[in-house]
N, C-alpha and C. Protein backbone atom coordinates (compact mmCIF):
# COMPACT_ATOMS: atom_id res chain seq x y z
N MET A 1 6.63 30.82 18.02
CA MET A 1 5.67 29.74 18.17
C MET A 1 5.45 29.01 16.86
N GLY A 2 5.55 29.71 15.73
CA GLY A 2 5.35 29.09 14.44
C GLY A 2 6.38 28.03 14.14
N SER A 3 7.61 28.24 14.60
CA SER A 3 8.68 27.28 14.36
C SER A 3 8.43 25.96 15.09
N SER A 4 7.95 26.06 16.33
CA SER A 4 7.70 24.83 17.09
C SER A 4 6.50 24.07 16.52
N GLU A 5 5.51 24.78 16.01
CA GLU A 5 4.36 24.12 15.38
C GLU A 5 4.79 23.43 14.08
N GLY A 6 5.66 24.09 13.33
CA GLY A 6 6.18 23.49 12.11
C GLY A 6 7.01 22.26 12.39
N LEU A 7 7.80 22.33 13.45
CA LEU A 7 8.61 21.18 13.85
C LEU A 7 7.73 20.02 14.30
N ARG A 8 6.69 20.34 15.04
CA ARG A 8 5.75 19.32 15.51
C ARG A 8 5.04 18.65 14.32
N ALA A 9 4.64 19.44 13.34
CA ALA A 9 3.98 18.89 12.15
C ALA A 9 4.94 18.02 11.36
N THR A 10 6.19 18.45 11.26
CA THR A 10 7.20 17.67 10.54
C THR A 10 7.45 16.34 11.25
N LEU A 11 7.53 16.36 12.56
CA LEU A 11 7.73 15.11 13.31
C LEU A 11 6.54 14.17 13.14
N MET A 12 5.34 14.72 13.06
CA MET A 12 4.15 13.90 12.87
C MET A 12 4.18 13.24 11.49
N VAL A 13 4.57 13.98 10.47
CA VAL A 13 4.69 13.43 9.12
C VAL A 13 5.77 12.35 9.10
N TYR A 14 6.89 12.61 9.76
CA TYR A 14 7.99 11.65 9.84
C TYR A 14 7.54 10.34 10.49
N ARG A 15 6.85 10.44 11.62
CA ARG A 15 6.37 9.24 12.31
C ARG A 15 5.36 8.48 11.47
N ASN A 16 4.42 9.20 10.86
CA ASN A 16 3.40 8.54 10.04
C ASN A 16 4.02 7.83 8.85
N LEU A 17 5.02 8.46 8.23
CA LEU A 17 5.69 7.84 7.09
C LEU A 17 6.44 6.58 7.52
N LEU A 18 7.15 6.64 8.62
CA LEU A 18 7.86 5.44 9.11
C LEU A 18 6.89 4.32 9.46
N LYS A 19 5.77 4.65 10.09
CA LYS A 19 4.77 3.64 10.42
C LYS A 19 4.21 2.98 9.17
N ALA A 20 3.90 3.80 8.14
CA ALA A 20 3.34 3.26 6.90
C ALA A 20 4.34 2.36 6.19
N VAL A 21 5.60 2.77 6.15
CA VAL A 21 6.63 1.96 5.50
C VAL A 21 6.83 0.65 6.24
N GLU A 22 6.90 0.70 7.56
CA GLU A 22 7.08 -0.53 8.33
C GLU A 22 5.88 -1.45 8.20
N LYS A 23 4.68 -0.89 8.14
CA LYS A 23 3.47 -1.71 8.06
C LYS A 23 3.29 -2.33 6.68
N HIS A 24 3.49 -1.55 5.63
CA HIS A 24 3.16 -2.01 4.28
C HIS A 24 4.35 -2.57 3.51
N ILE A 25 5.54 -2.09 3.79
CA ILE A 25 6.72 -2.58 3.08
C ILE A 25 7.44 -3.63 3.91
N GLY A 26 7.54 -3.40 5.20
CA GLY A 26 8.12 -4.40 6.09
C GLY A 26 9.38 -3.92 6.77
N LYS A 27 9.80 -4.70 7.77
CA LYS A 27 10.99 -4.37 8.55
C LYS A 27 12.11 -5.36 8.31
N GLU A 28 11.97 -6.24 7.34
CA GLU A 28 12.97 -7.27 7.11
C GLU A 28 14.33 -6.66 6.77
N GLU A 29 15.35 -7.47 6.90
CA GLU A 29 16.73 -7.06 6.67
C GLU A 29 16.93 -6.48 5.27
N HIS A 30 16.34 -7.10 4.26
CA HIS A 30 16.56 -6.66 2.88
C HIS A 30 15.71 -5.45 2.51
N ARG A 31 14.88 -4.96 3.42
CA ARG A 31 14.04 -3.79 3.14
C ARG A 31 14.37 -2.61 4.04
N VAL A 32 15.44 -2.70 4.77
CA VAL A 32 15.83 -1.66 5.71
C VAL A 32 16.22 -0.37 4.99
N HIS A 33 16.65 -0.49 3.73
CA HIS A 33 17.09 0.70 3.01
C HIS A 33 15.98 1.73 2.84
N PHE A 34 14.70 1.32 2.89
CA PHE A 34 13.59 2.27 2.81
C PHE A 34 13.59 3.18 4.04
N THR A 35 13.60 2.58 5.21
CA THR A 35 13.58 3.39 6.43
C THR A 35 14.89 4.16 6.63
N ASP A 36 16.00 3.57 6.21
CA ASP A 36 17.28 4.29 6.30
C ASP A 36 17.26 5.56 5.45
N PHE A 37 16.71 5.46 4.25
CA PHE A 37 16.63 6.63 3.37
C PHE A 37 15.75 7.72 4.00
N ILE A 38 14.62 7.31 4.56
CA ILE A 38 13.71 8.29 5.18
C ILE A 38 14.40 8.98 6.34
N ARG A 39 15.08 8.21 7.18
CA ARG A 39 15.78 8.80 8.32
C ARG A 39 16.86 9.78 7.87
N GLU A 40 17.61 9.41 6.84
CA GLU A 40 18.66 10.29 6.33
C GLU A 40 18.08 11.59 5.79
N GLU A 41 16.98 11.49 5.04
CA GLU A 41 16.37 12.68 4.45
C GLU A 41 15.84 13.63 5.52
N PHE A 42 15.25 13.09 6.57
CA PHE A 42 14.70 13.96 7.61
C PHE A 42 15.78 14.52 8.53
N ARG A 43 16.93 13.87 8.60
CA ARG A 43 17.99 14.35 9.49
C ARG A 43 18.99 15.28 8.80
N LYS A 44 18.89 15.42 7.50
CA LYS A 44 19.82 16.29 6.79
C LYS A 44 19.66 17.73 7.27
N LYS A 45 20.77 18.42 7.34
CA LYS A 45 20.76 19.83 7.69
C LYS A 45 20.22 20.62 6.50
N ARG A 46 19.27 21.46 6.77
CA ARG A 46 18.67 22.30 5.72
C ARG A 46 19.12 23.74 5.93
N SER A 47 19.22 24.45 4.83
CA SER A 47 19.57 25.85 4.95
C SER A 47 18.34 26.64 5.37
N PRO A 48 18.46 27.50 6.36
CA PRO A 48 17.31 28.29 6.82
C PRO A 48 16.88 29.33 5.79
N ASN A 49 17.68 29.52 4.75
CA ASN A 49 17.35 30.51 3.73
C ASN A 49 16.21 30.08 2.83
N ASP A 50 15.93 28.79 2.75
CA ASP A 50 14.91 28.30 1.83
C ASP A 50 13.88 27.43 2.57
N PRO A 51 12.96 28.06 3.31
CA PRO A 51 11.96 27.26 4.03
C PRO A 51 10.95 26.59 3.09
N SER A 52 10.80 27.11 1.89
CA SER A 52 9.85 26.48 0.96
C SER A 52 10.34 25.11 0.52
N PHE A 53 11.66 24.92 0.44
CA PHE A 53 12.23 23.63 0.08
C PHE A 53 11.87 22.58 1.13
N VAL A 54 11.99 22.96 2.39
CA VAL A 54 11.65 22.07 3.49
C VAL A 54 10.16 21.74 3.45
N GLN A 55 9.34 22.74 3.20
CA GLN A 55 7.89 22.52 3.12
C GLN A 55 7.54 21.58 1.98
N GLN A 56 8.25 21.71 0.86
CA GLN A 56 8.01 20.82 -0.27
C GLN A 56 8.37 19.38 0.08
N LYS A 57 9.49 19.18 0.77
CA LYS A 57 9.90 17.84 1.17
C LYS A 57 8.90 17.22 2.15
N VAL A 58 8.42 18.01 3.09
CA VAL A 58 7.45 17.52 4.06
C VAL A 58 6.14 17.18 3.36
N LYS A 59 5.71 18.00 2.43
CA LYS A 59 4.49 17.73 1.66
C LYS A 59 4.66 16.46 0.82
N LEU A 60 5.83 16.28 0.24
CA LEU A 60 6.11 15.06 -0.53
C LEU A 60 6.04 13.82 0.36
N ALA A 61 6.60 13.90 1.55
CA ALA A 61 6.54 12.77 2.48
C ALA A 61 5.11 12.49 2.91
N GLN A 62 4.34 13.54 3.12
CA GLN A 62 2.93 13.38 3.50
C GLN A 62 2.14 12.73 2.37
N ASN A 63 2.37 13.15 1.15
CA ASN A 63 1.67 12.57 0.00
C ASN A 63 2.07 11.11 -0.22
N TYR A 64 3.34 10.79 -0.03
CA TYR A 64 3.78 9.41 -0.18
C TYR A 64 3.15 8.51 0.87
N THR A 65 3.04 9.01 2.09
CA THR A 65 2.38 8.25 3.16
C THR A 65 0.93 7.97 2.78
N TYR A 66 0.25 8.98 2.29
CA TYR A 66 -1.15 8.83 1.88
C TYR A 66 -1.26 7.82 0.74
N LEU A 67 -0.37 7.91 -0.24
CA LEU A 67 -0.38 6.98 -1.37
C LEU A 67 -0.15 5.55 -0.90
N LEU A 68 0.83 5.35 -0.06
CA LEU A 68 1.17 4.02 0.43
C LEU A 68 -0.01 3.39 1.18
N ASN A 69 -0.62 4.15 2.06
CA ASN A 69 -1.78 3.65 2.81
C ASN A 69 -2.96 3.38 1.88
N SER A 70 -3.19 4.24 0.92
CA SER A 70 -4.32 4.09 0.01
C SER A 70 -4.17 2.89 -0.91
N VAL A 71 -2.98 2.68 -1.44
CA VAL A 71 -2.75 1.54 -2.33
C VAL A 71 -2.98 0.23 -1.59
N HIS A 72 -2.50 0.13 -0.38
CA HIS A 72 -2.68 -1.11 0.38
C HIS A 72 -4.11 -1.29 0.84
N HIS A 73 -4.80 -0.19 1.12
CA HIS A 73 -6.22 -0.30 1.46
C HIS A 73 -7.02 -0.77 0.25
N HIS A 74 -6.68 -0.26 -0.92
CA HIS A 74 -7.35 -0.67 -2.16
C HIS A 74 -7.10 -2.15 -2.44
N LYS A 75 -5.87 -2.60 -2.25
CA LYS A 75 -5.54 -4.01 -2.45
C LYS A 75 -6.33 -4.89 -1.49
N ASP A 76 -6.46 -4.47 -0.25
CA ASP A 76 -7.24 -5.23 0.73
C ASP A 76 -8.71 -5.31 0.31
N LEU A 77 -9.24 -4.22 -0.22
CA LEU A 77 -10.63 -4.24 -0.70
C LEU A 77 -10.79 -5.22 -1.86
N LEU A 78 -9.84 -5.21 -2.78
CA LEU A 78 -9.93 -6.14 -3.91
C LEU A 78 -9.92 -7.59 -3.44
N PHE A 79 -9.06 -7.90 -2.48
CA PHE A 79 -9.02 -9.26 -1.96
C PHE A 79 -10.30 -9.61 -1.20
N SER A 80 -10.87 -8.64 -0.51
CA SER A 80 -12.09 -8.93 0.25
C SER A 80 -13.27 -9.22 -0.68
N TYR A 81 -13.26 -8.65 -1.88
CA TYR A 81 -14.32 -8.92 -2.86
C TYR A 81 -13.94 -10.04 -3.81
N ASN A 82 -12.80 -10.68 -3.60
CA ASN A 82 -12.31 -11.78 -4.43
C ASN A 82 -12.17 -11.38 -5.90
N ILE A 83 -11.86 -10.14 -6.17
CA ILE A 83 -11.69 -9.69 -7.54
C ILE A 83 -10.36 -10.16 -8.10
N ALA A 84 -9.37 -10.31 -7.26
CA ALA A 84 -8.04 -10.67 -7.72
C ALA A 84 -7.91 -12.17 -7.99
N VAL A 85 -8.96 -12.94 -7.73
CA VAL A 85 -8.90 -14.39 -7.87
C VAL A 85 -9.56 -14.81 -9.18
N ASP A 86 -8.91 -15.72 -9.89
CA ASP A 86 -9.48 -16.26 -11.12
C ASP A 86 -10.64 -17.18 -10.73
N ARG A 87 -11.83 -16.87 -11.20
CA ARG A 87 -13.03 -17.59 -10.75
C ARG A 87 -13.54 -18.60 -11.77
N THR A 88 -12.79 -18.94 -12.81
CA THR A 88 -13.29 -19.87 -13.82
C THR A 88 -13.46 -21.27 -13.26
N ASN A 89 -12.53 -21.75 -12.44
CA ASN A 89 -12.66 -23.08 -11.84
C ASN A 89 -13.85 -23.14 -10.90
N GLU A 90 -14.01 -22.06 -10.13
CA GLU A 90 -15.14 -22.01 -9.20
C GLU A 90 -16.47 -22.04 -9.95
N MET A 91 -16.56 -21.29 -11.04
CA MET A 91 -17.80 -21.26 -11.82
C MET A 91 -18.07 -22.61 -12.49
N THR A 92 -17.04 -23.30 -12.92
CA THR A 92 -17.20 -24.63 -13.52
C THR A 92 -17.76 -25.61 -12.50
N LYS A 93 -17.28 -25.56 -11.27
CA LYS A 93 -17.80 -26.42 -10.21
C LYS A 93 -19.26 -26.13 -9.92
N VAL A 94 -19.62 -24.86 -9.85
CA VAL A 94 -21.01 -24.47 -9.58
C VAL A 94 -21.93 -24.95 -10.70
N LEU A 95 -21.49 -24.75 -11.94
CA LEU A 95 -22.31 -25.21 -13.07
C LEU A 95 -22.43 -26.73 -13.10
N GLY A 96 -21.35 -27.42 -12.74
CA GLY A 96 -21.39 -28.88 -12.68
C GLY A 96 -22.37 -29.37 -11.62
N LYS A 97 -22.39 -28.74 -10.46
CA LYS A 97 -23.33 -29.12 -9.41
C LYS A 97 -24.77 -28.83 -9.82
N SER A 98 -24.96 -27.70 -10.50
CA SER A 98 -26.31 -27.36 -10.96
C SER A 98 -26.80 -28.37 -11.99
N ALA A 99 -25.93 -28.74 -12.91
CA ALA A 99 -26.31 -29.71 -13.94
C ALA A 99 -26.57 -31.08 -13.30
N ALA A 100 -25.74 -31.46 -12.32
CA ALA A 100 -25.91 -32.75 -11.67
C ALA A 100 -27.20 -32.81 -10.88
N SER A 101 -27.66 -31.69 -10.37
CA SER A 101 -28.88 -31.70 -9.57
C SER A 101 -30.12 -32.01 -10.42
N VAL A 102 -30.05 -31.81 -11.73
CA VAL A 102 -31.18 -32.16 -12.61
C VAL A 102 -30.86 -33.38 -13.46
N GLY A 103 -29.76 -34.07 -13.15
CA GLY A 103 -29.44 -35.32 -13.84
C GLY A 103 -28.64 -35.15 -15.11
N LEU A 104 -27.98 -34.03 -15.30
CA LEU A 104 -27.17 -33.81 -16.50
C LEU A 104 -25.70 -33.74 -16.13
N ARG A 105 -24.86 -33.84 -17.16
CA ARG A 105 -23.41 -33.67 -16.97
C ARG A 105 -22.94 -32.61 -17.94
N LEU A 106 -21.98 -31.84 -17.50
CA LEU A 106 -21.38 -30.85 -18.39
C LEU A 106 -20.45 -31.56 -19.36
N PRO A 107 -20.40 -31.09 -20.62
CA PRO A 107 -19.47 -31.72 -21.57
C PRO A 107 -18.02 -31.42 -21.20
N GLU A 108 -17.15 -32.35 -21.52
CA GLU A 108 -15.71 -32.16 -21.30
C GLU A 108 -15.21 -31.14 -22.29
N VAL A 109 -14.39 -30.22 -21.82
CA VAL A 109 -13.80 -29.22 -22.69
C VAL A 109 -12.38 -29.66 -23.02
N TYR A 110 -12.10 -29.77 -24.32
CA TYR A 110 -10.77 -30.21 -24.76
C TYR A 110 -9.90 -29.01 -25.01
N GLN A 111 -8.70 -29.07 -24.51
CA GLN A 111 -7.74 -28.02 -24.75
C GLN A 111 -6.65 -28.54 -25.65
N SER A 112 -6.35 -27.80 -26.72
CA SER A 112 -5.32 -28.26 -27.62
C SER A 112 -4.05 -27.48 -27.50
């Protein structure tokens, strides 16, 4: 029974990794080598003498899936808070509107 549970867990890691790669890296023609490599690694014949090697590979795939999902989630959070956007032009516009509302103008900034 332990072997079938291990196989089921390995298949779950395999599916999750493929989903993460397709979602975050893409399925385009020039990016197919990512999924091809994953498929080759999971289909390779392993020696039954070293089950710890297989466990290490599965753990590595699981960690990579977690990393890939986390990095893209972090990037989405940064974009949602507009941290990745240069806000100097936006701040200049806001200051200009504030100054104009009381009858003033901001001085021109010269760049050399």
